[in-house]
Amino acid sequence: MIIKLIEFSGLMFLSNLEVSERLKFWSVRLKNEKIKNYGYMFHLFPCLLV
């Protein structure tokens, strides 16, 4: 699990534009959906760390 998060974080560093687009995607998604699956949070945290 930790390795997956590290790989995901590494991918986020490749493109600042991609990071901003992904942050927009997650912010919209979080507003529109109630989080019932912690999987959403695991993807969100690396975005916040960048």
C-alpha atoms as a PDB file:
ATOM      1  CA  MET A   1       0.000   0.000   0.000  1.00  0.00           C
ATOM      2  CA  ILE A   2       2.751   2.441   0.974  1.00  0.00           C
ATOM      3  CA  ILE A   3       4.691   1.588  -2.175  1.00  0.00           C
ATOM      4  CA  LYS A   4       1.611   2.360  -4.264  1.00  0.00           C
ATOM      5  CA  LEU A   5       1.286   5.754  -2.573  1.00  0.00           C
ATOM      6  CA  ILE A   6       4.956   6.533  -3.219  1.00  0.00           C
ATOM      7  CA  GLU A   7       4.590   5.588  -6.885  1.00  0.00           C
ATOM      8  CA  PHE A   8       1.453   7.727  -7.153  1.00  0.00           C
ATOM      9  CA  SER A   9       3.205  10.684  -5.510  1.00  0.00           C
ATOM     10  CA  GLY A  10       6.150  10.265  -7.874  1.00  0.00           C
ATOM     11  CA  LEU A  11       3.835  10.448 -10.871  1.00  0.00           C
ATOM     12  CA  MET A  12       2.303  13.642  -9.513  1.00  0.00           C
ATOM     13  CA  PHE A  13       5.693  15.380  -9.619  1.00  0.00           C
ATOM     14  CA  LEU A  14       6.039  14.806 -13.370  1.00  0.00           C
ATOM     15  CA  SER A  15       3.697  17.578 -14.386  1.00  0.00           C
ATOM     16  CA  ASN A  16       2.451  20.563 -12.408  1.00  0.00           C
ATOM     17  CA  LEU A  17      -0.370  20.968 -14.899  1.00  0.00           C
ATOM     18  CA  GLU A  18      -1.425  17.385 -14.351  1.00  0.00           C
ATOM     19  CA  VAL A  19      -1.316  17.984 -10.604  1.00  0.00           C
ATOM     20  CA  SER A  20      -3.566  21.036 -10.814  1.00  0.00           C
ATOM     21  CA  GLU A  21      -5.993  19.222 -13.116  1.00  0.00           C
ATOM     22  CA  ARG A  22      -6.108  16.263 -10.756  1.00  0.00           C
ATOM     23  CA  LEU A  23      -6.688  18.531  -7.769  1.00  0.00           C
ATOM     24  CA  LYS A  24      -9.583  20.151  -9.622  1.00  0.00           C
ATOM     25  CA  PHE A  25     -10.950  16.713 -10.452  1.00  0.00           C
ATOM     26  CA  TRP A  26     -10.812  15.561  -6.836  1.00  0.00           C
ATOM     27  CA  SER A  27     -12.194  18.801  -5.399  1.00  0.00           C
ATOM     28  CA  VAL A  28     -15.204  18.555  -7.718  1.00  0.00           C
ATOM     29  CA  ARG A  29     -15.600  14.879  -6.972  1.00  0.00           C
ATOM     30  CA  LEU A  30     -15.434  15.429  -3.213  1.00  0.00           C
ATOM     31  CA  LYS A  31     -18.060  18.151  -3.437  1.00  0.00           C
ATOM     32  CA  ASN A  32     -20.404  15.984  -5.497  1.00  0.00           C
ATOM     33  CA  GLU A  33     -19.963  12.691  -3.666  1.00  0.00           C
ATOM     34  CA  LYS A  34     -20.050  11.667  -0.034  1.00  0.00           C
ATOM     35  CA  ILE A  35     -16.910   9.693   0.725  1.00  0.00           C
ATOM     36  CA  LYS A  36     -17.838   6.187   1.769  1.00  0.00           C
ATOM     37  CA  ASN A  37     -14.765   4.500   0.362  1.00  0.00           C
ATOM     38  CA  TYR A  38     -11.420   5.295   1.994  1.00  0.00           C
ATOM     39  CA  GLY A  39      -9.828   4.624  -1.390  1.00  0.00           C
ATOM     40  CA  TYR A  40     -10.780   8.179  -2.345  1.00  0.00           C
ATOM     41  CA  MET A  41      -8.796   9.519   0.615  1.00  0.00           C
ATOM     42  CA  PHE A  42      -5.720   7.453  -0.254  1.00  0.00           C
ATOM     43  CA  HIS A  43      -5.683   9.067  -3.694  1.00  0.00           C
ATOM     44  CA  LEU A  44      -6.394  12.531  -2.328  1.00  0.00           C
ATOM     45  CA  PHE A  45      -3.591  12.697   0.256  1.00  0.00           C
ATOM     46  CA  PRO A  46      -0.689  12.409  -2.233  1.00  0.00           C
ATOM     47  CA  CYS A  47      -2.276  15.264  -4.191  1.00  0.00           C
ATOM     48  CA  LEU A  48      -2.299  17.434  -1.084  1.00  0.00           C
ATOM     49  CA  LEU A  49       1.332  16.600  -0.309  1.00  0.00           C
ATOM     50  CA  VAL A  50       2.583  17.847  -3.673  1.00  0.00           C
END
